[in-house]
Amino acid sequence: MTTLPTVLIADDDRSIRTVLTQALGRSGYQVRATSSAATLWRWVEDGEGDLVITDVIMPDENGLDLVPRIRRIRPELPVIVMSAQSTLTTAVQATQRGAFDYLPKPFDLADLLAVVDRAVKQPLPAAATAPVEKHAEEALPLIGRSPAMQEIYRVIARLTTTDLTVMVNGESGAGKELVARALHDYGRRRAGPFVAINMAAIPRELIESELFGHERGAFTGATNRHVGRFEQANGGTLFLDEIGDMPPEAQTRLLRVLQEGEFTTVGGRQPIRANARIVAATHRDLRALIRGGQFREDLFYRLNVVPIRLPPLRERPDDIPVLAQHFLNKAQAEGLPAKTIDAGAMAMLSAYRWPGNVRELENLIRRLAALVPQSVITETILAPELADYVAVEEAAPARGDETDTMATVVERHVSRLLAAIRESGEEGVLYERALAELERPLIRMTLAETRGNQIRAAALLGLNRNTLRKKIREHGIGVQRRVG
């Protein structure tokens, strides 16, 4: 008779142990569960189990400290870490200490079962690197506990053990450089320099010199040798921001560097070895630029090895309170008066559309901390600051709106999007934004109708379940049927 795989579970929460035991039992696994890290360690030492699922916070030991110890004595035993401390640092520490995967609480049971199946069937990842230093949450480069941000944390954690090229796509102000810095600060090259260059901020004729450097006398005005950003980033990370604005001639040279691993300065002949991890970012639709002949397709595929979509703030409103508090704490640490935000004002912040994303929120909080004499920020204080505040208007339809067709509503919303894009000067984003604005409430309301049952929701929508799950992740939509 075939022996069923055994899963060892360690979690201080009895309800979670019960739910996981039942779900794994139905999926064909034997389960042993405990609330004690010491008991889990004894089972592992005795050679029990085919898989470990452990929480981070337990009464007698931190679960993260168990992971490298388990890997040392049982290198074939995969460990899945779960935690309510759903920060970037936790995800990175779990990955770098050798965990097979990391799941933030609350988690979807289907996600956990899928990870368990992969862990049992697939070989383990490479051995853990040296643990990163612990950071207070206020010091983290990225803040947020929404499902969309949790997925980004997991991707970043996996990338810290590689030098793969990454493409970050997101609207202006969403925090693309923060993602690049997190990849650097938690990665293998963190001891090297982090060098950033914004393609949109440099005159076209100077971009090649800025990237690759130039020799004395290479062109009029080149009175000294100039070290380019590639050379400055040697041993570290080079962040190419707004890569969609790179001129064609510089695109050709960058492609050659990525293909050959070396470059020459402008006016130089001696090849220089390129030794920098590349992280690129853009707010533009590069595929649309490729179709229009403005961006090289072969360069796109060289840069887009690992794509990361950073969602705009309006798609993750659950993160707004923690971000607002983070910026208040930061302002106080810089010497500004201490402030708090009451519940009504916080609800107003959460409902606002934030066209300027996280950067706009930070600027607003800093302005309030500096200029408002009251210690408590209320709705009355906040309302005049949000000149474009439209949450109440959108939530309560105006008289006569009940008879509007969907086409009429969409036309009004597209008009607002066009006005915002016209003001910002962005191109290539209208279709993606309009589609996201329609898909997110459609999927969220369908999931509410089916009480979080994704199979029924997919059937109602006429979508494949895998497609639905992908869209749930893309839009950062919380699912009701959750554990934790």
Protein backbone atom coordinates (compact mmCIF):
# COMPACT_ATOMS: atom_id res chain seq x y z
CA MET A 1 0.00 0.00 0.00
CA THR A 2 1.33 3.46 -0.93
CA THR A 3 2.15 5.66 2.07
CA LEU A 4 0.57 9.10 1.93
CA PRO A 5 2.95 12.09 2.21
CA THR A 6 3.06 13.57 5.72
CA VAL A 7 2.83 17.31 6.36
CA LEU A 8 4.16 18.71 9.65
CA ILE A 9 2.36 21.89 10.76
CA ALA A 10 3.47 24.31 13.50
CA ASP A 11 1.15 27.21 14.30
CA ASP A 12 0.06 28.79 17.59
CA ASP A 13 -3.50 29.31 16.28
CA ARG A 14 -5.63 26.20 16.89
CA SER A 15 -8.27 27.23 14.32
CA ILE A 16 -5.62 27.45 11.59
CA ARG A 17 -4.19 24.07 12.56
CA THR A 18 -7.68 22.56 12.37
CA VAL A 19 -8.54 24.09 8.99
CA LEU A 20 -5.19 23.10 7.46
CA THR A 21 -5.42 19.57 8.85
CA GLN A 22 -8.88 19.10 7.34
CA ALA A 23 -7.99 20.64 3.97
CA LEU A 24 -4.74 18.68 3.59
CA GLY A 25 -6.47 15.48 4.71
CA ARG A 26 -9.08 15.90 1.97
CA SER A 27 -6.24 16.43 -0.53
CA GLY A 28 -4.57 13.12 0.28
CA TYR A 29 -2.00 14.07 2.91
CA GLN A 30 -1.36 12.81 6.41
CA VAL A 31 -0.97 15.64 8.93
CA ARG A 32 0.75 16.15 12.29
CA ALA A 33 0.10 19.53 13.89
CA THR A 34 1.54 21.32 16.91
CA SER A 35 1.73 24.78 18.46
CA SER A 36 5.34 24.24 19.56
CA ALA A 37 8.51 24.88 17.58
CA ALA A 38 10.32 22.45 19.89
CA THR A 39 7.88 19.65 19.04
CA LEU A 40 8.23 20.39 15.32
CA TRP A 41 12.02 20.26 15.65
CA ARG A 42 11.83 16.90 17.44
CA TRP A 43 9.71 15.45 14.63
CA VAL A 44 12.18 16.74 12.04
CA GLU A 45 15.15 15.30 13.98
CA ASP A 46 13.36 11.94 14.16
CA GLY A 47 13.10 11.88 10.36
CA GLU A 48 9.34 12.41 10.23
CA GLY A 49 7.46 14.30 7.55
CA ASP A 50 7.74 15.02 3.85
CA LEU A 51 6.94 18.74 4.17
CA VAL A 52 6.91 21.41 6.91
CA ILE A 53 4.48 24.32 7.20
CA THR A 54 5.47 26.71 9.98
CA ASP A 55 4.28 30.04 11.28
CA VAL A 56 6.86 32.70 12.14
CA ILE A 57 5.63 33.71 15.59
CA MET A 58 5.30 30.81 18.05
CA PRO A 59 5.47 30.73 21.86
CA ASP A 60 8.90 29.10 22.13
CA GLU A 61 10.83 30.12 18.99
CA ASN A 62 10.74 32.18 15.82
CA GLY A 63 9.82 29.92 12.90
CA LEU A 64 12.28 31.71 10.60
CA ASP A 65 15.14 30.58 12.84
CA LEU A 66 14.04 26.97 12.34
CA VAL A 67 14.33 27.07 8.56
CA PRO A 68 18.16 27.01 8.20
CA ARG A 69 18.43 24.43 11.00
CA ILE A 70 15.97 22.16 9.19
CA ARG A 71 17.82 22.66 5.91
CA ARG A 72 21.11 21.65 7.56
CA ILE A 73 19.93 18.30 8.94
CA ARG A 74 17.20 17.55 6.35
CA PRO A 75 18.21 19.34 3.12
CA GLU A 76 15.60 17.34 1.17
CA LEU A 77 12.72 18.54 3.40
CA PRO A 78 10.83 21.54 1.94
CA VAL A 79 9.62 24.22 4.37
CA ILE A 80 6.72 26.60 3.72
CA VAL A 81 6.65 29.68 5.94
CA MET A 82 3.43 31.56 6.73
CA SER A 83 3.10 34.76 8.73
CA ALA A 84 0.73 37.54 9.72
CA GLN A 85 3.81 39.79 9.71
CA SER A 86 3.25 40.28 6.01
CA THR A 87 6.14 42.62 5.22
CA LEU A 88 8.83 42.57 2.57
CA THR A 89 11.47 41.72 5.17
CA THR A 90 9.59 38.60 6.30
CA ALA A 91 9.23 37.38 2.71
CA VAL A 92 12.91 38.01 1.98
CA GLN A 93 14.13 36.37 5.19
CA ALA A 94 11.99 33.29 4.56
CA THR A 95 13.34 32.91 1.03
CA GLN A 96 16.98 33.63 1.85
CA ARG A 97 16.98 31.23 4.79
CA GLY A 98 15.92 28.43 2.46
CA ALA A 99 12.10 28.27 2.58
CA PHE A 100 10.46 26.66 -0.42
CA ASP A 101 7.81 29.41 -0.40
CA TYR A 102 6.27 32.10 1.78
CA LEU A 103 2.55 32.77 2.28
CA PRO A 104 1.23 35.88 4.05
CA LYS A 105 -1.79 35.55 6.33
CA PRO A 106 -4.65 35.59 5.57
CA PHE A 107 -4.14 33.20 2.67
CA ASP A 108 -6.37 31.40 0.22
CA LEU A 109 -6.60 27.65 0.93
CA ALA A 110 -6.35 26.90 -2.78
CA ASP A 111 -3.07 28.84 -2.96
CA LEU A 112 -1.64 26.89 -0.02
CA LEU A 113 -2.67 23.52 -1.44
CA ALA A 114 -1.10 24.43 -4.80
CA VAL A 115 2.18 25.37 -3.06
CA VAL A 116 2.10 22.12 -1.04
CA ASP A 117 1.65 20.07 -4.22
CA ARG A 118 4.58 21.86 -5.89
CA ALA A 119 6.80 21.44 -2.84
CA VAL A 120 6.16 17.69 -2.67
CA LYS A 121 6.73 17.16 -6.40
CA GLN A 122 9.53 19.63 -7.25
CA PRO A 123 13.17 19.79 -6.12
CA LEU A 124 14.12 22.33 -3.48
CA PRO A 125 15.58 25.76 -4.34
CA ALA A 126 19.26 26.47 -3.87
CA ALA A 127 20.66 26.64 -0.35
CA ALA A 128 19.99 29.80 1.57
CA THR A 129 22.33 32.76 1.46
CA ALA A 130 23.36 34.75 4.51
CA PRO A 131 20.28 36.19 6.25
CA VAL A 132 19.51 39.83 5.66
CA GLU A 133 19.44 42.19 8.58
CA LYS A 134 16.11 42.73 10.28
CA HIS A 135 14.43 46.08 9.73
CA ALA A 136 11.64 47.84 11.53
CA GLU A 137 8.60 48.10 9.29
CA GLU A 138 8.98 51.88 9.21
CA ALA A 139 12.39 51.43 7.56
CA LEU A 140 11.15 49.14 4.79
CA PRO A 141 11.47 50.42 1.21
CA LEU A 142 7.94 49.22 0.40
CA ILE A 143 4.85 49.51 2.60
CA GLY A 144 1.54 47.68 2.18
CA ARG A 145 -0.34 44.57 3.22
CA SER A 146 -2.80 44.27 0.32
CA PRO A 147 -2.86 41.04 -1.72
CA ALA A 148 -1.28 42.88 -4.66
CA MET A 149 1.66 44.04 -2.55
CA GLN A 150 2.05 40.61 -0.94
CA GLU A 151 2.52 39.10 -4.39
CA ILE A 152 5.16 41.72 -5.19
CA TYR A 153 6.97 40.91 -1.93
CA ARG A 154 7.03 37.22 -2.87
CA VAL A 155 8.44 38.00 -6.33
CA ILE A 156 11.12 40.32 -4.89
CA ALA A 157 12.05 37.69 -2.30
CA ARG A 158 12.58 35.08 -5.01
CA LEU A 159 14.68 37.50 -7.07
CA THR A 160 17.08 38.35 -4.24
CA THR A 161 19.08 35.17 -4.93
CA THR A 162 19.49 35.91 -8.66
CA ASP A 163 20.81 38.67 -10.93
CA LEU A 164 17.96 38.39 -13.45
CA THR A 165 17.01 41.56 -15.31
CA VAL A 166 13.71 43.04 -14.09
CA MET A 167 11.17 45.33 -15.76
CA VAL A 168 8.93 47.33 -13.39
CA ASN A 169 5.78 48.79 -14.94
CA GLY A 170 3.61 51.26 -13.08
CA GLU A 171 2.13 54.73 -13.11
CA SER A 172 4.11 57.80 -12.11
CA GLY A 173 4.42 58.07 -8.34
CA ALA A 174 3.56 54.41 -7.69
CA GLY A 175 7.02 53.60 -6.31
CA LYS A 176 8.92 51.93 -9.16
CA GLU A 177 12.29 53.10 -7.85
CA LEU A 178 11.42 51.69 -4.41
CA VAL A 179 10.99 48.26 -6.02
CA ALA A 180 14.37 48.64 -7.70
CA ARG A 181 15.99 49.65 -4.41
CA ALA A 182 14.40 46.70 -2.62
CA LEU A 183 15.79 44.33 -5.25
CA HIS A 184 19.21 45.86 -4.65
CA ASP A 185 19.13 46.26 -0.86
CA TYR A 186 17.99 42.68 -0.25
CA GLY A 187 19.87 41.08 -3.13
CA ARG A 188 23.31 39.57 -3.68
CA ARG A 189 24.73 42.92 -4.86
CA ARG A 190 23.66 44.97 -1.84
CA ALA A 191 27.32 45.70 -0.95
CA GLY A 192 27.76 47.41 -4.34
CA PRO A 193 26.44 50.78 -5.53
CA PHE A 194 22.85 51.53 -6.55
CA VAL A 195 22.94 53.90 -9.52
CA ALA A 196 19.78 55.40 -11.03
CA ILE A 197 19.34 57.28 -14.29
CA ASN A 198 16.09 58.77 -15.60
CA MET A 199 15.94 58.63 -19.38
CA ALA A 200 13.22 61.30 -19.55
CA ALA A 201 15.35 63.80 -17.62
CA ILE A 202 18.45 63.73 -19.85
CA PRO A 203 18.79 65.43 -23.26
CA ARG A 204 18.76 62.84 -26.03
CA GLU A 205 22.21 63.79 -27.28
CA LEU A 206 23.74 63.18 -23.83
CA ILE A 207 22.16 59.83 -22.91
CA GLU A 208 24.92 57.68 -24.44
CA SER A 209 27.60 59.70 -22.65
CA GLU A 210 25.68 59.47 -19.36
CA LEU A 211 25.24 55.71 -19.69
CA PHE A 212 28.62 54.67 -21.07
CA GLY A 213 30.89 57.62 -20.31
CA HIS A 214 33.13 59.47 -22.74
CA GLU A 215 36.81 60.09 -23.36
CA ARG A 216 38.49 63.46 -23.35
CA GLY A 217 38.05 65.11 -26.74
CA ALA A 218 35.27 62.71 -27.82
CA PHE A 219 33.12 65.70 -28.75
CA THR A 220 33.10 69.47 -28.38
CA GLY A 221 33.13 70.33 -24.69
CA ALA A 222 34.50 66.95 -23.54
CA THR A 223 37.49 68.38 -21.71
CA ASN A 224 37.87 65.45 -19.30
CA ARG A 225 37.12 61.74 -19.22
CA HIS A 226 33.62 61.10 -17.87
CA VAL A 227 32.69 57.87 -16.05
CA GLY A 228 29.28 56.65 -17.19
CA ARG A 229 26.53 55.07 -15.10
CA PHE A 230 27.39 51.53 -16.21
CA GLU A 231 30.91 51.95 -14.88
CA GLN A 232 29.68 53.68 -11.70
CA ALA A 233 27.33 50.73 -11.03
CA ASN A 234 30.11 48.14 -11.28
CA GLY A 235 29.34 45.33 -8.84
CA GLY A 236 25.92 46.78 -8.00
CA THR A 237 22.60 47.67 -9.62
CA LEU A 238 21.84 50.05 -12.50
CA PHE A 239 18.27 51.38 -12.46
CA LEU A 240 17.11 52.60 -15.88
CA ASP A 241 14.01 54.67 -15.11
CA GLU A 242 11.53 55.67 -17.84
CA ILE A 243 13.20 53.29 -20.28
CA GLY A 244 10.39 53.99 -22.77
CA ASP A 245 11.89 57.44 -23.35
CA MET A 246 15.29 56.12 -24.43
CA PRO A 247 16.17 57.31 -27.98
CA PRO A 248 16.68 54.67 -30.71
CA GLU A 249 20.46 55.05 -30.99
CA ALA A 250 20.91 54.52 -27.25
CA GLN A 251 18.56 51.52 -27.41
CA THR A 252 20.89 49.92 -29.96
CA ARG A 253 23.96 50.42 -27.75
CA LEU A 254 22.14 49.16 -24.65
CA LEU A 255 21.05 46.03 -26.53
CA ARG A 256 24.66 45.37 -27.52
CA VAL A 257 25.78 45.68 -23.88
CA LEU A 258 23.09 43.22 -22.74
CA GLN A 259 24.05 40.77 -25.50
CA GLU A 260 27.84 40.98 -25.24
CA GLY A 261 28.31 41.93 -21.58
CA GLU A 262 30.70 44.79 -22.38
CA PHE A 263 30.69 48.37 -23.67
CA THR A 264 32.98 51.13 -24.84
CA THR A 265 32.90 54.77 -23.82
CA VAL A 266 31.95 57.43 -26.37
CA GLY A 267 35.19 58.05 -28.24
CA GLY A 268 36.87 55.06 -26.60
CA ARG A 269 38.18 51.82 -28.10
CA GLN A 270 38.96 49.64 -25.09
CA PRO A 271 36.02 47.37 -24.13
CA ILE A 272 34.90 47.61 -20.51
CA ARG A 273 33.21 44.61 -18.85
CA ALA A 274 29.64 45.37 -17.75
CA ASN A 275 29.10 44.12 -14.22
CA ALA A 276 25.79 45.54 -13.06
CA ARG A 277 22.36 44.09 -12.52
CA ILE A 278 19.81 45.88 -14.70
CA VAL A 279 16.42 46.97 -13.37
CA ALA A 280 14.36 49.00 -15.83
CA ALA A 281 11.08 50.82 -15.25
CA THR A 282 8.44 52.63 -17.25
CA HIS A 283 4.93 54.02 -16.97
CA ARG A 284 4.39 53.53 -20.70
CA ASP A 285 3.07 50.55 -22.64
CA LEU A 286 6.26 49.30 -24.31
CA ARG A 287 4.34 46.88 -26.54
CA ALA A 288 2.42 49.82 -27.98
CA LEU A 289 5.71 51.66 -28.52
CA ILE A 290 7.07 48.58 -30.31
CA ARG A 291 4.06 48.52 -32.61
CA GLY A 292 4.64 52.22 -33.32
CA GLY A 293 8.32 51.64 -34.10
CA GLN A 294 9.49 53.67 -31.08
CA PHE A 295 11.04 50.85 -29.06
CA ARG A 296 13.14 47.87 -30.15
CA GLU A 297 11.37 44.55 -29.71
CA ASP A 298 14.63 42.66 -29.17
CA LEU A 299 15.63 45.10 -26.41
CA PHE A 300 12.20 44.70 -24.79
CA TYR A 301 12.67 40.95 -24.47
CA ARG A 302 16.18 41.42 -23.06
CA LEU A 303 14.83 43.77 -20.38
CA ASN A 304 11.51 42.05 -19.68
CA VAL A 305 13.02 38.84 -18.27
CA VAL A 306 11.02 39.23 -15.05
CA PRO A 307 8.12 41.70 -15.35
CA ILE A 308 6.69 43.28 -12.19
CA ARG A 309 3.47 45.30 -12.40
CA LEU A 310 3.25 47.81 -9.56
CA PRO A 311 -0.44 48.58 -9.03
CA PRO A 312 -1.59 52.19 -8.66
CA LEU A 313 -2.70 53.24 -5.20
CA ARG A 314 -6.39 53.31 -6.19
CA GLU A 315 -6.21 49.53 -6.78
CA ARG A 316 -5.00 48.88 -3.23
CA PRO A 317 -7.01 51.20 -0.95
CA ASP A 318 -6.43 48.88 2.03
CA ASP A 319 -2.80 50.07 2.04
CA ILE A 320 -3.68 53.76 2.36
CA PRO A 321 -4.11 53.84 6.20
CA VAL A 322 -0.77 52.11 6.85
CA LEU A 323 0.96 54.33 4.27
CA ALA A 324 -0.56 57.47 5.78
CA GLN A 325 0.59 56.45 9.26
CA HIS A 326 4.05 55.64 7.89
CA PHE A 327 4.35 59.11 6.37
CA LEU A 328 3.10 60.75 9.60
CA ASN A 329 5.78 58.87 11.56
CA LYS A 330 8.39 59.84 9.00
CA ALA A 331 7.40 63.52 9.19
CA GLN A 332 7.57 63.45 13.00
CA ALA A 333 11.02 61.82 12.87
CA GLU A 334 12.15 64.71 10.67
CA GLY A 335 11.09 67.24 13.28
CA LEU A 336 7.55 68.12 12.18
CA PRO A 337 4.75 68.18 14.80
CA ALA A 338 3.09 64.87 15.70
CA LYS A 339 -0.31 64.39 14.05
CA THR A 340 -3.06 61.77 14.00
CA ILE A 341 -5.82 61.19 11.44
CA ASP A 342 -9.32 60.45 12.68
CA ALA A 343 -11.53 57.71 11.24
CA GLY A 344 -13.59 59.99 9.01
CA ALA A 345 -10.54 61.60 7.43
CA MET A 346 -8.89 58.21 6.96
CA ALA A 347 -12.01 56.95 5.16
CA MET A 348 -11.82 60.02 2.92
CA LEU A 349 -8.18 59.27 2.12
CA SER A 350 -9.05 55.65 1.31
CA ALA A 351 -11.84 56.67 -1.06
CA TYR A 352 -9.82 59.26 -3.01
CA ARG A 353 -8.55 58.21 -6.46
CA TRP A 354 -4.89 59.34 -6.00
CA PRO A 355 -3.92 60.16 -9.59
CA GLY A 356 -0.42 60.94 -8.29
CA ASN A 357 -0.29 57.63 -6.39
CA VAL A 358 1.93 57.13 -3.33
CA ARG A 359 3.98 60.23 -4.09
CA GLU A 360 0.83 62.38 -3.97
CA LEU A 361 -0.22 60.80 -0.65
CA GLU A 362 3.21 61.42 0.87
CA ASN A 363 3.24 65.05 -0.26
CA LEU A 364 -0.24 65.60 1.18
CA ILE A 365 0.66 64.07 4.56
CA ARG A 366 3.87 66.10 4.74
CA ARG A 367 1.93 69.29 3.92
CA LEU A 368 -0.68 68.55 6.60
CA ALA A 369 2.01 67.79 9.20
CA ALA A 370 3.78 71.07 8.45
CA LEU A 371 0.88 73.48 8.01
CA VAL A 372 -2.11 72.26 10.04
CA PRO A 373 -2.02 73.60 13.62
CA GLN A 374 -4.44 71.00 14.99
CA SER A 375 -3.00 67.74 16.29
CA VAL A 376 -5.90 65.68 14.89
CA ILE A 377 -6.62 65.82 11.14
CA THR A 378 -10.38 65.63 10.55
CA GLU A 379 -12.64 65.49 7.49
CA THR A 380 -13.19 69.24 7.75
CA ILE A 381 -9.45 69.88 7.56
CA LEU A 382 -8.83 67.31 4.84
CA ALA A 383 -11.69 68.04 2.42
CA PRO A 384 -10.30 71.34 1.03
CA GLU A 385 -6.93 69.66 0.45
CA LEU A 386 -8.46 67.06 -1.86
CA ALA A 387 -9.58 69.36 -4.62
CA ASP A 388 -10.48 66.48 -6.91
CA TYR A 389 -12.27 64.46 -4.24
CA VAL A 390 -15.11 62.58 -6.01
CA ALA A 391 -15.79 59.53 -3.83
CA VAL A 392 -19.19 60.74 -2.56
CA GLU A 393 -20.32 61.71 -6.04
CA GLU A 394 -19.32 58.32 -7.48
CA ALA A 395 -20.76 56.31 -4.60
CA ALA A 396 -24.19 58.01 -4.77
CA PRO A 397 -25.47 58.35 -8.37
CA ALA A 398 -26.86 61.71 -9.30
CA ARG A 399 -30.59 62.08 -9.99
CA GLY A 400 -31.50 60.38 -13.24
CA ASP A 401 -28.39 58.15 -13.32
CA GLU A 402 -30.55 55.09 -12.67
CA THR A 403 -31.54 55.08 -16.35
CA ASP A 404 -28.00 55.49 -17.68
CA THR A 405 -26.73 52.74 -19.93
CA MET A 406 -23.33 51.18 -19.28
CA ALA A 407 -22.06 52.92 -22.41
CA THR A 408 -23.01 56.32 -20.95
CA VAL A 409 -21.28 55.59 -17.65
CA VAL A 410 -18.17 54.32 -19.42
CA GLU A 411 -18.08 57.39 -21.68
CA ARG A 412 -18.16 59.69 -18.66
CA HIS A 413 -15.38 57.75 -16.97
CA VAL A 414 -13.23 57.62 -20.13
CA SER A 415 -13.64 61.39 -20.41
CA ARG A 416 -12.17 61.78 -16.92
CA LEU A 417 -9.31 59.41 -17.81
CA LEU A 418 -8.59 61.36 -21.00
CA ALA A 419 -8.51 64.62 -19.05
CA ALA A 420 -6.05 63.17 -16.53
CA ILE A 421 -3.83 61.74 -19.29
CA ARG A 422 -3.97 65.00 -21.21
CA GLU A 423 -2.76 66.84 -18.11
CA SER A 424 0.04 64.36 -17.35
CA GLY A 425 1.20 63.97 -20.96
CA GLU A 426 1.26 60.16 -20.71
CA GLU A 427 0.67 57.97 -23.75
CA GLY A 428 -0.04 54.31 -24.32
CA VAL A 429 -1.93 53.76 -21.04
CA LEU A 430 -5.58 54.63 -21.75
CA TYR A 431 -6.76 51.16 -22.83
CA GLU A 432 -5.05 49.40 -19.92
CA ARG A 433 -6.40 51.83 -17.33
CA ALA A 434 -9.95 51.86 -18.70
CA LEU A 435 -10.04 48.06 -18.85
CA ALA A 436 -8.70 47.77 -15.29
CA GLU A 437 -11.34 50.23 -14.02
CA LEU A 438 -14.08 48.03 -15.49
CA GLU A 439 -12.61 44.63 -14.59
CA ARG A 440 -11.86 45.33 -10.94
CA PRO A 441 -15.45 46.14 -9.76
CA LEU A 442 -16.87 43.46 -12.07
CA ILE A 443 -14.71 40.73 -10.55
CA ARG A 444 -15.05 42.06 -6.98
CA MET A 445 -18.87 42.15 -7.16
CA THR A 446 -19.05 38.71 -8.76
CA LEU A 447 -16.90 37.26 -5.98
CA ALA A 448 -19.17 38.95 -3.42
CA GLU A 449 -22.18 37.38 -5.15
CA THR A 450 -20.61 33.89 -4.93
CA ARG A 451 -19.32 34.46 -1.34
CA GLY A 452 -15.75 34.10 -2.52
CA ASN A 453 -16.28 30.85 -4.44
CA GLN A 454 -13.89 31.30 -7.36
CA ILE A 455 -15.21 28.32 -9.31
CA ARG A 456 -18.75 29.74 -9.30
CA ALA A 457 -17.45 33.24 -10.01
CA ALA A 458 -15.47 32.00 -13.03
CA ALA A 459 -18.61 30.24 -14.31
CA LEU A 460 -20.70 33.40 -13.90
CA LEU A 461 -18.08 35.52 -15.69
CA GLY A 462 -17.50 32.93 -18.40
CA LEU A 463 -13.77 32.83 -17.61
CA ASN A 464 -11.32 30.00 -17.12
CA ARG A 465 -10.58 29.70 -13.37
CA ASN A 466 -6.84 30.21 -13.95
CA THR A 467 -7.64 33.41 -15.86
CA LEU A 468 -9.85 34.61 -13.01
CA ARG A 469 -7.15 33.88 -10.42
CA LYS A 470 -4.61 35.81 -12.52
CA LYS A 471 -6.94 38.82 -12.74
CA ILE A 472 -7.61 38.67 -8.99
CA ARG A 473 -3.86 38.93 -8.39
CA GLU A 474 -3.38 41.66 -11.02
CA HIS A 475 -6.09 43.88 -9.52
CA GLY A 476 -5.23 43.15 -5.87
CA ILE A 477 -8.75 41.94 -5.10
CA GLY A 478 -9.30 40.35 -1.69
CA VAL A 479 -11.22 37.07 -1.65
CA GLN A 480 -13.73 36.47 1.16
CA ARG A 481 -13.15 32.73 1.57
CA ARG A 482 -9.84 32.99 3.38
CA VAL A 483 -8.00 31.41 6.31
CA GLY A 484 -5.94 33.18 8.96
